[in-house]
PDB file of N, CA and C in Angstrom:
ATOM      1  N   MET A   1     102.882 118.713  83.285  1.00  0.00           N
ATOM      2  CA  MET A   1     102.436 117.555  84.000  1.00  0.00           C
ATOM      3  C   MET A   1     101.886 118.024  85.347  1.00  0.00           C
ATOM      4  N   LYS A   2     100.902 117.300  85.834  1.00  0.00           N
ATOM      5  CA  LYS A   2     100.308 117.642  87.134  1.00  0.00           C
ATOM      6  C   LYS A   2     101.331 117.482  88.228  1.00  0.00           C
ATOM      7  N   ASN A   3     101.026 118.046  89.361  1.00  0.00           N
ATOM      8  CA  ASN A   3     101.942 118.001  90.499  1.00  0.00           C
ATOM      9  C   ASN A   3     101.711 116.716  91.260  1.00  0.00           C
ATOM     10  N   TYR A   4     102.555 115.723  91.002  1.00  0.00           N
ATOM     11  CA  TYR A   4     102.455 114.429  91.643  1.00  0.00           C
ATOM     12  C   TYR A   4     103.480 114.281  92.760  1.00  0.00           C
ATOM     13  N   LYS A   5     104.373 115.236  92.970  1.00  0.00           N
ATOM     14  CA  LYS A   5     105.438 115.069  93.941  1.00  0.00           C
ATOM     15  C   LYS A   5     104.953 114.829  95.366  1.00  0.00           C
ATOM     16  N   LYS A   6     103.858 115.439  95.717  1.00  0.00           N
ATOM     17  CA  LYS A   6     103.347 115.270  97.092  1.00  0.00           C
ATOM     18  C   LYS A   6     102.768 113.890  97.320  1.00  0.00           C
ATOM     19  N   LEU A   7     102.577 113.134  96.261  1.00  0.00           N
ATOM     20  CA  LEU A   7     101.897 111.859  96.370  1.00  0.00           C
ATOM     21  C   LEU A   7     102.892 110.725  96.607  1.00  0.00           C
ATOM     22  N   GLN A   8     102.925 110.269  97.818  1.00  0.00           N
ATOM     23  CA  GLN A   8     103.801 109.189  98.245  1.00  0.00           C
ATOM     24  C   GLN A   8     102.950 108.179  99.016  1.00  0.00           C
ATOM     25  N   PRO A   9     103.487 107.011  99.345  1.00  0.00           N
ATOM     26  CA  PRO A   9     102.731 106.152 100.243  1.00  0.00           C
ATOM     27  C   PRO A   9     102.360 106.942 101.511  1.00  0.00           C
ATOM     28  N   SER A  10     101.182 106.669 102.041  1.00  0.00           N
ATOM     29  CA  SER A  10     100.646 107.524 103.071  1.00  0.00           C
ATOM     30  C   SER A  10     101.450 107.555 104.369  1.00  0.00           C
ATOM     31  N   ASN A  11     102.101 106.502 104.700  1.00  0.00           N
ATOM     32  CA  ASN A  11     102.909 106.426 105.936  1.00  0.00           C
ATOM     33  C   ASN A  11     104.368 106.263 105.557  1.00  0.00           C
ATOM     34  N   LYS A  12     105.227 107.096 106.121  1.00  0.00           N
ATOM     35  CA  LYS A  12     106.659 107.048 105.737  1.00  0.00           C
ATOM     36  C   LYS A  12     107.277 105.688 105.985  1.00  0.00           C
ATOM     37  N   THR A  13     106.822 104.926 106.967  1.00  0.00           N
ATOM     38  CA  THR A  13     107.370 103.621 107.236  1.00  0.00           C
ATOM     39  C   THR A  13     106.743 102.550 106.357  1.00  0.00           C
ATOM     40  N   GLU A  14     105.666 102.916 105.704  1.00  0.00           N
ATOM     41  CA  GLU A  14     104.961 101.988 104.839  1.00  0.00           C
ATOM     42  C   GLU A  14     105.679 101.897 103.497  1.00  0.00           C
ATOM     43  N   THR A  15     105.884 100.671 103.036  1.00  0.00           N
ATOM     44  CA  THR A  15     106.551 100.509 101.751  1.00  0.00           C
ATOM     45  C   THR A  15     105.539 100.131 100.727  1.00  0.00           C
ATOM     46  N   ILE A  16     105.902 100.267  99.470  1.00  0.00           N
ATOM     47  CA  ILE A  16     105.001  99.907  98.404  1.00  0.00           C
ATOM     48  C   ILE A  16     104.636  98.429  98.443  1.00  0.00           C
ATOM     49  N   GLU A  17     105.597  97.580  98.809  1.00  0.00           N
ATOM     50  CA  GLU A  17     105.338  96.143  98.816  1.00  0.00           C
ATOM     51  C   GLU A  17     104.186  95.770  99.714  1.00  0.00           C
ATOM     52  N   ASN A  18     104.106  96.369 100.898  1.00  0.00           N
ATOM     53  CA  ASN A  18     103.020  95.989 101.791  1.00  0.00           C
ATOM     54  C   ASN A  18     101.795  96.897 101.660  1.00  0.00           C
ATOM     55  N   SER A  19     101.800  97.770 100.698  1.00  0.00           N
ATOM     56  CA  SER A  19     100.695  98.687 100.497  1.00  0.00           C
ATOM     57  C   SER A  19      99.657  98.150  99.537  1.00  0.00           C
ATOM     58  N   PHE A  20     100.021  97.279  98.629  1.00  0.00           N
ATOM     59  CA  PHE A  20      99.127  96.864  97.562  1.00  0.00           C
ATOM     60  C   PHE A  20      98.840  95.368  97.657  1.00  0.00           C
ATOM     61  N   GLU A  21      97.591  95.043  97.434  1.00  0.00           N
ATOM     62  CA  GLU A  21      97.201  93.638  97.447  1.00  0.00           C
ATOM     63  C   GLU A  21      97.314  93.125  95.995  1.00  0.00           C
ATOM     64  N   ILE A  22      98.083  92.045  95.875  1.00  0.00           N
ATOM     65  CA  ILE A  22      98.247  91.428  94.567  1.00  0.00           C
ATOM     66  C   ILE A  22      97.752  89.983  94.712  1.00  0.00           C
ATOM     67  N   ASP A  23      97.028  89.527  93.721  1.00  0.00           N
ATOM     68  CA  ASP A  23      96.542  88.141  93.718  1.00  0.00           C
ATOM     69  C   ASP A  23      97.700  87.211  93.396  1.00  0.00           C
ATOM     70  N   TYR A  24      98.385  86.746  94.436  1.00  0.00           N
ATOM     71  CA  TYR A  24      99.560  85.945  94.260  1.00  0.00           C
ATOM     72  C   TYR A  24      99.305  84.643  93.555  1.00  0.00           C
ATOM     73  N   ASP A  25      98.085  84.137  93.626  1.00  0.00           N
ATOM     74  CA  ASP A  25      97.737  82.899  92.915  1.00  0.00           C
ATOM     75  C   ASP A  25      97.639  83.097  91.438  1.00  0.00           C
ATOM     76  N   LEU A  26      97.442  84.303  90.944  1.00  0.00           N
ATOM     77  CA  LEU A  26      97.294  84.563  89.530  1.00  0.00           C
ATOM     78  C   LEU A  26      98.600  84.765  88.789  1.00  0.00           C
ATOM     79  N   PHE A  27      99.660  85.082  89.542  1.00  0.00           N
ATOM     80  CA  PHE A  27     100.923  85.483  88.898  1.00  0.00           C
ATOM     81  C   PHE A  27     102.097  84.679  89.418  1.00  0.00           C
ATOM     82  N   THR A  28     103.087  84.546  88.570  1.00  0.00           N
ATOM     83  CA  THR A  28     104.329  83.919  88.989  1.00  0.00           C
ATOM     84  C   THR A  28     105.159  84.956  89.788  1.00  0.00           C
ATOM     85  N   THR A  29     106.204  84.506  90.393  1.00  0.00           N
ATOM     86  CA  THR A  29     107.045  85.442  91.134  1.00  0.00           C
ATOM     87  C   THR A  29     107.600  86.521  90.233  1.00  0.00           C
ATOM     88  N   SER A  30     108.046  86.153  89.053  1.00  0.00           N
ATOM     89  CA  SER A  30     108.626  87.163  88.154  1.00  0.00           C
ATOM     90  C   SER A  30     107.562  88.153  87.672  1.00  0.00           C
ATOM     91  N   GLU A  31     106.339  87.709  87.505  1.00  0.00           N
ATOM     92  CA  GLU A  31     105.249  88.599  87.105  1.00  0.00           C
ATOM     93  C   GLU A  31     104.937  89.581  88.234  1.00  0.00           C
ATOM     94  N   ILE A  32     104.933  89.121  89.449  1.00  0.00           N
ATOM     95  CA  ILE A  32     104.704  89.988  90.622  1.00  0.00           C
ATOM     96  C   ILE A  32     105.811  91.038  90.712  1.00  0.00           C
ATOM     97  N   ILE A  33     107.011  90.631  90.432  1.00  0.00           N
ATOM     98  CA  ILE A  33     108.136  91.567  90.396  1.00  0.00           C
ATOM     99  C   ILE A  33     107.946  92.632  89.334  1.00  0.00           C
ATOM    100  N   ASN A  34     107.452  92.202  88.137  1.00  0.00           N
ATOM    101  CA  ASN A  34     107.165  93.175  87.061  1.00  0.00           C
ATOM    102  C   ASN A  34     106.168  94.216  87.509  1.00  0.00           C
ATOM    103  N   ILE A  35     105.093  93.762  88.194  1.00  0.00           N
ATOM    104  CA  ILE A  35     104.062  94.682  88.672  1.00  0.00           C
ATOM    105  C   ILE A  35     104.653  95.661  89.702  1.00  0.00           C
ATOM    106  N   MET A  36     105.381  95.112  90.674  1.00  0.00           N
ATOM    107  CA  MET A  36     105.945  95.943  91.721  1.00  0.00           C
ATOM    108  C   MET A  36     106.997  96.923  91.174  1.00  0.00           C
ATOM    109  N   ASN A  37     107.786  96.444  90.197  1.00  0.00           N
ATOM    110  CA  ASN A  37     108.795  97.299  89.597  1.00  0.00           C
ATOM    111  C   ASN A  37     108.129  98.518  88.902  1.00  0.00           C
ATOM    112  N   PHE A  38     107.006  98.286  88.242  1.00  0.00           N
ATOM    113  CA  PHE A  38     106.305  99.397  87.635  1.00  0.00           C
ATOM    114  C   PHE A  38     105.855 100.415  88.670  1.00  0.00           C
ATOM    115  N   TYR A  39     105.283  99.916  89.787  1.00  0.00           N
ATOM    116  CA  TYR A  39     104.879 100.845  90.849  1.00  0.00           C
ATOM    117  C   TYR A  39     106.064 101.649  91.375  1.00  0.00           C
ATOM    118  N   HIS A  40     107.195 100.959  91.588  1.00  0.00           N
ATOM    119  CA  HIS A  40     108.423 101.623  92.040  1.00  0.00           C
ATOM    120  C   HIS A  40     108.875 102.669  90.991  1.00  0.00           C
ATOM    121  N   ASN A  41     108.783 102.278  89.756  1.00  0.00           N
ATOM    122  CA  ASN A  41     109.273 103.150  88.659  1.00  0.00           C
ATOM    123  C   ASN A  41     108.501 104.457  88.564  1.00  0.00           C
ATOM    124  N   ILE A  42     107.217 104.399  88.918  1.00  0.00           N
ATOM    125  CA  ILE A  42     106.431 105.658  88.949  1.00  0.00           C
ATOM    126  C   ILE A  42     107.069 106.640  89.905  1.00  0.00           C
ATOM    127  N   PHE A  43     107.406 106.151  91.094  1.00  0.00           N
ATOM    128  CA  PHE A  43     108.025 107.049  92.095  1.00  0.00           C
ATOM    129  C   PHE A  43     109.441 107.439  91.711  1.00  0.00           C
ATOM    130  N   LYS A  44     110.180 106.518  91.082  1.00  0.00           N
ATOM    131  CA  LYS A  44     111.505 106.898  90.587  1.00  0.00           C
ATOM    132  C   LYS A  44     111.390 108.012  89.558  1.00  0.00           C
ATOM    133  N   TYR A  45     110.430 107.903  88.659  1.00  0.00           N
ATOM    134  CA  TYR A  45     110.238 108.934  87.649  1.00  0.00           C
ATOM    135  C   TYR A  45     109.907 110.283  88.294  1.00  0.00           C
ATOM    136  N   LEU A  46     109.052 110.246  89.298  1.00  0.00           N
ATOM    137  CA  LEU A  46     108.653 111.466  89.961  1.00  0.00           C
ATOM    138  C   LEU A  46     109.816 112.160  90.672  1.00  0.00           C
ATOM    139  N   HIS A  47     110.804 111.365  91.050  1.00  0.00           N
ATOM    140  CA  HIS A  47     112.002 111.908  91.725  1.00  0.00           C
ATOM    141  C   HIS A  47     113.162 112.033  90.756  1.00  0.00           C
ATOM    142  N   HIS A  48     112.872 112.052  89.465  1.00  0.00           N
ATOM    143  CA  HIS A  48     113.866 112.263  88.409  1.00  0.00           C
ATOM    144  C   HIS A  48     114.984 111.210  88.438  1.00  0.00           C
ATOM    145  N   GLN A  49     114.657 110.002  88.795  1.00  0.00           N
ATOM    146  CA  GLN A  49     115.635 108.949  88.858  1.00  0.00           C
ATOM    147  C   GLN A  49     115.433 107.916  87.740  1.00  0.00           C
ATOM    148  N   LEU A  50     114.469 108.202  86.861  1.00  0.00           N
ATOM    149  CA  LEU A  50     114.153 107.274  85.771  1.00  0.00           C
ATOM    150  C   LEU A  50     113.703 108.077  84.543  1.00  0.00           C
ATOM    151  N   SER A  51     114.092 107.656  83.381  1.00  0.00           N
ATOM    152  CA  SER A  51     113.714 108.378  82.162  1.00  0.00           C
ATOM    153  C   SER A  51     112.286 108.044  81.779  1.00  0.00           C
ATOM    154  N   LYS A  52     111.711 108.921  80.965  1.00  0.00           N
ATOM    155  CA  LYS A  52     110.361 108.722  80.431  1.00  0.00           C
ATOM    156  C   LYS A  52     110.268 107.408  79.619  1.00  0.00           C
ATOM    157  N   ASP A  53     111.306 107.157  78.804  1.00  0.00           N
ATOM    158  CA  ASP A  53     111.306 105.946  77.983  1.00  0.00           C
ATOM    159  C   ASP A  53     111.360 104.683  78.860  1.00  0.00           C
ATOM    160  N   ALA A  54     112.142 104.717  79.923  1.00  0.00           N
ATOM    161  CA  ALA A  54     112.217 103.555  80.806  1.00  0.00           C
ATOM    162  C   ALA A  54     110.874 103.314  81.514  1.00  0.00           C
ATOM    163  N   LEU A  55     110.222 104.412  81.884  1.00  0.00           N
ATOM    164  CA  LEU A  55     108.896 104.283  82.542  1.00  0.00           C
ATOM    165  C   LEU A  55     107.885 103.711  81.540  1.00  0.00           C
ATOM    166  N   LYS A  56     107.890 104.186  80.317  1.00  0.00           N
ATOM    167  CA  LYS A  56     106.978 103.677  79.284  1.00  0.00           C
ATOM    168  C   LYS A  56     107.216 102.195  79.037  1.00  0.00           C
ATOM    169  N   ALA A  57     108.492 101.767  79.006  1.00  0.00           N
ATOM    170  CA  ALA A  57     108.816 100.336  78.803  1.00  0.00           C
ATOM    171  C   ALA A  57     108.307  99.518  80.010  1.00  0.00           C
ATOM    172  N   SER A  58     108.459 100.042  81.190  1.00  0.00           N
ATOM    173  CA  SER A  58     107.976  99.387  82.390  1.00  0.00           C
ATOM    174  C   SER A  58     106.448  99.236  82.377  1.00  0.00           C
ATOM    175  N   TYR A  59     105.785 100.293  81.900  1.00  0.00           N
ATOM    176  CA  TYR A  59     104.330 100.283  81.794  1.00  0.00           C
ATOM    177  C   TYR A  59     103.864  99.229  80.793  1.00  0.00           C
ATOM    178  N   GLN A  60     104.540  99.129  79.672  1.00  0.00           N
ATOM    179  CA  GLN A  60     104.164  98.116  78.683  1.00  0.00           C
ATOM    180  C   GLN A  60     104.314  96.697  79.261  1.00  0.00           C
ATOM    181  N   LEU A  61     105.360  96.487  80.012  1.00  0.00           N
ATOM    182  CA  LEU A  61     105.579  95.191  80.649  1.00  0.00           C
ATOM    183  C   LEU A  61     104.511  94.935  81.716  1.00  0.00           C
ATOM    184  N   TYR A  62     104.137  95.957  82.486  1.00  0.00           N
ATOM    185  CA  TYR A  62     103.062  95.865  83.471  1.00  0.00           C
ATOM    186  C   TYR A  62     101.754  95.451  82.804  1.00  0.00           C
ATOM    187  N   ARG A  63     101.417  96.123  81.714  1.00  0.00           N
ATOM    188  CA  ARG A  63     100.163  95.790  81.011  1.00  0.00           C
ATOM    189  C   ARG A  63     100.187  94.407  80.413  1.00  0.00           C
ATOM    190  N   LYS A  64     101.365  94.008  79.882  1.00  0.00           N
ATOM    191  CA  LYS A  64     101.495  92.687  79.313  1.00  0.00           C
ATOM    192  C   LYS A  64     101.393  91.619  80.388  1.00  0.00           C
ATOM    193  N   THR A  65     101.925  91.903  81.535  1.00  0.00           N
ATOM    194  CA  THR A  65     101.910  90.962  82.678  1.00  0.00           C
ATOM    195  C   THR A  65     100.488  90.777  83.174  1.00  0.00           C
ATOM    196  N   ILE A  66      99.790  91.855  83.383  1.00  0.00           N
ATOM    197  CA  ILE A  66      98.418  91.758  83.913  1.00  0.00           C
ATOM    198  C   ILE A  66      97.497  91.143  82.863  1.00  0.00           C
ATOM    199  N   ASN A  67      97.576  91.618  81.630  1.00  0.00           N
ATOM    200  CA  ASN A  67      96.895  90.996  80.478  1.00  0.00           C
ATOM    201  C   ASN A  67      95.392  90.825  80.685  1.00  0.00           C
ATOM    202  N   SER A  68      94.765  91.737  81.379  1.00  0.00           N
ATOM    203  CA  SER A  68      93.324  91.665  81.587  1.00  0.00           C
ATOM    204  C   SER A  68      92.861  93.086  81.923  1.00  0.00           C
ATOM    205  N   ILE A  69      91.907  93.573  81.161  1.00  0.00           N
ATOM    206  CA  ILE A  69      91.411  94.945  81.403  1.00  0.00           C
ATOM    207  C   ILE A  69      90.765  95.032  82.801  1.00  0.00           C
ATOM    208  N   ALA A  70      90.033  94.031  83.184  1.00  0.00           N
ATOM    209  CA  ALA A  70      89.380  94.049  84.483  1.00  0.00           C
ATOM    210  C   ALA A  70      90.415  94.067  85.616  1.00  0.00           C
ATOM    211  N   LEU A  71      91.445  93.213  85.512  1.00  0.00           N
ATOM    212  CA  LEU A  71      92.481  93.214  86.548  1.00  0.00           C
ATOM    213  C   LEU A  71      93.292  94.509  86.542  1.00  0.00           C
ATOM    214  N   GLU A  72      93.558  95.007  85.360  1.00  0.00           N
ATOM    215  CA  GLU A  72      94.294  96.290  85.256  1.00  0.00           C
ATOM    216  C   GLU A  72      93.520  97.393  85.958  1.00  0.00           C
ATOM    217  N   LYS A  73      92.236  97.472  85.722  1.00  0.00           N
ATOM    218  CA  LYS A  73      91.397  98.488  86.391  1.00  0.00           C
ATOM    219  C   LYS A  73      91.410  98.292  87.907  1.00  0.00           C
ATOM    220  N   LYS A  74      91.329  97.030  88.341  1.00  0.00           N
ATOM    221  CA  LYS A  74      91.338  96.724  89.764  1.00  0.00           C
ATOM    222  C   LYS A  74      92.645  97.182  90.404  1.00  0.00           C
ATOM    223  N   TYR A  75      93.759  96.853  89.792  1.00  0.00           N
ATOM    224  CA  TYR A  75      95.072  97.212  90.335  1.00  0.00           C
ATOM    225  C   TYR A  75      95.292  98.713  90.247  1.00  0.00           C
ATOM    226  N   ASN A  76      94.846  99.338  89.162  1.00  0.00           N
ATOM    227  CA  ASN A  76      95.016 100.784  89.031  1.00  0.00           C
ATOM    228  C   ASN A  76      94.184 101.499  90.092  1.00  0.00           C
ATOM    229  N   GLN A  77      92.998 100.982  90.385  1.00  0.00           N
ATOM    230  CA  GLN A  77      92.153 101.569  91.441  1.00  0.00           C
ATOM    231  C   GLN A  77      92.841 101.420  92.795  1.00  0.00           C
ATOM    232  N   ALA A  78      93.398 100.235  93.080  1.00  0.00           N
ATOM    233  CA  ALA A  78      94.095 100.021  94.351  1.00  0.00           C
ATOM    234  C   ALA A  78      95.285 100.974  94.478  1.00  0.00           C
ATOM    235  N   PHE A  79      96.025 101.146  93.373  1.00  0.00           N
ATOM    236  CA  PHE A  79      97.178 102.064  93.380  1.00  0.00           C
ATOM    237  C   PHE A  79      96.689 103.480  93.640  1.00  0.00           C
ATOM    238  N   TYR A  80      95.587 103.856  93.005  1.00  0.00           N
ATOM    239  CA  TYR A  80      95.041 105.218  93.206  1.00  0.00           C
ATOM    240  C   TYR A  80      94.617 105.456  94.653  1.00  0.00           C
ATOM    241  N   GLU A  81      93.999 104.444  95.243  1.00  0.00           N
ATOM    242  CA  GLU A  81      93.511 104.571  96.631  1.00  0.00           C
ATOM    243  C   GLU A  81      94.689 104.771  97.595  1.00  0.00           C
ATOM    244  N   LYS A  82      95.823 104.168  97.322  1.00  0.00           N
ATOM    245  CA  LYS A  82      97.004 104.305  98.181  1.00  0.00           C
ATOM    246  C   LYS A  82      97.812 105.552  97.903  1.00  0.00           C
ATOM    247  N   THR A  83      97.876 105.975  96.654  1.00  0.00           N
ATOM    248  CA  THR A  83      98.794 107.063  96.291  1.00  0.00           C
ATOM    249  C   THR A  83      98.137 108.285  95.746  1.00  0.00           C
ATOM    250  N   HIS A  84      96.891 108.182  95.364  1.00  0.00           N
ATOM    251  CA  HIS A  84      96.140 109.268  94.704  1.00  0.00           C
ATOM    252  C   HIS A  84      96.758 109.597  93.325  1.00  0.00           C
ATOM    253  N   ILE A  85      97.395 108.600  92.738  1.00  0.00           N
ATOM    254  CA  ILE A  85      97.903 108.722  91.371  1.00  0.00           C
ATOM    255  C   ILE A  85      97.104 107.783  90.488  1.00  0.00           C
ATOM    256  N   SER A  86      96.479 108.315  89.481  1.00  0.00           N
ATOM    257  CA  SER A  86      95.774 107.510  88.471  1.00  0.00           C
ATOM    258  C   SER A  86      96.804 107.083  87.470  1.00  0.00           C
ATOM    259  N   ILE A  87      97.080 105.783  87.368  1.00  0.00           N
ATOM    260  CA  ILE A  87      98.050 105.302  86.391  1.00  0.00           C
ATOM    261  C   ILE A  87      97.669 105.706  84.995  1.00  0.00           C
ATOM    262  N   TYR A  88      96.389 105.592  84.653  1.00  0.00           N
ATOM    263  CA  TYR A  88      95.911 105.926  83.344  1.00  0.00           C
ATOM    264  C   TYR A  88      96.243 107.388  83.017  1.00  0.00           C
ATOM    265  N   HIS A  89      95.861 108.291  83.897  1.00  0.00           N
ATOM    266  CA  HIS A  89      96.099 109.726  83.633  1.00  0.00           C
ATOM    267  C   HIS A  89      97.572 110.076  83.711  1.00  0.00           C
ATOM    268  N   PHE A  90      98.284 109.422  84.594  1.00  0.00           N
ATOM    269  CA  PHE A  90      99.730 109.670  84.714  1.00  0.00           C
ATOM    270  C   PHE A  90     100.454 109.315  83.427  1.00  0.00           C
ATOM    271  N   MET A  91     100.143 108.102  82.879  1.00  0.00           N
ATOM    272  CA  MET A  91     100.804 107.678  81.684  1.00  0.00           C
ATOM    273  C   MET A  91     100.331 108.492  80.489  1.00  0.00           C
ATOM    274  N   LYS A  92      99.075 108.889  80.490  1.00  0.00           N
ATOM    275  CA  LYS A  92      98.542 109.722  79.420  1.00  0.00           C
ATOM    276  C   LYS A  92      99.241 111.090  79.390  1.00  0.00           C
ATOM    277  N   ASP A  93      99.528 111.650  80.567  1.00  0.00           N
ATOM    278  CA  ASP A  93     100.191 112.933  80.673  1.00  0.00           C
ATOM    279  C   ASP A  93     101.645 112.877  80.225  1.00  0.00           C
ATOM    280  N   LEU A  94     102.237 111.692  80.127  1.00  0.00           N
ATOM    281  CA  LEU A  94     103.632 111.582  79.659  1.00  0.00           C
ATOM    282  C   LEU A  94     103.800 111.902  78.191  1.00  0.00           C
ATOM    283  N   HIS A  95     102.755 111.733  77.414  1.00  0.00           N
ATOM    284  CA  HIS A  95     102.851 111.916  75.952  1.00  0.00           C
ATOM    285  C   HIS A  95     102.918 113.347  75.550  1.00  0.00           C
TER     286      HIS A  95
END
């Protein structure tokens, strides 16, 4: 797997929650939590605090929650811009 360990939110005081723009009008509170949990789970996996299977399950829930290829690309691009982690490539490398 590629070296993703150096990739963290850019500012140590910056949290994931205030790093990403989510269209709050499009999602319920629980759906927003699903999206944010997936983002958190990527970092947990990188720090060996989460299993591969748990990350895959979280990814499936993330994709089901977003349920739009255009929105998924938009959110994946926003995540990449903040973390330099491509969700697509990261999940592809898990297999």
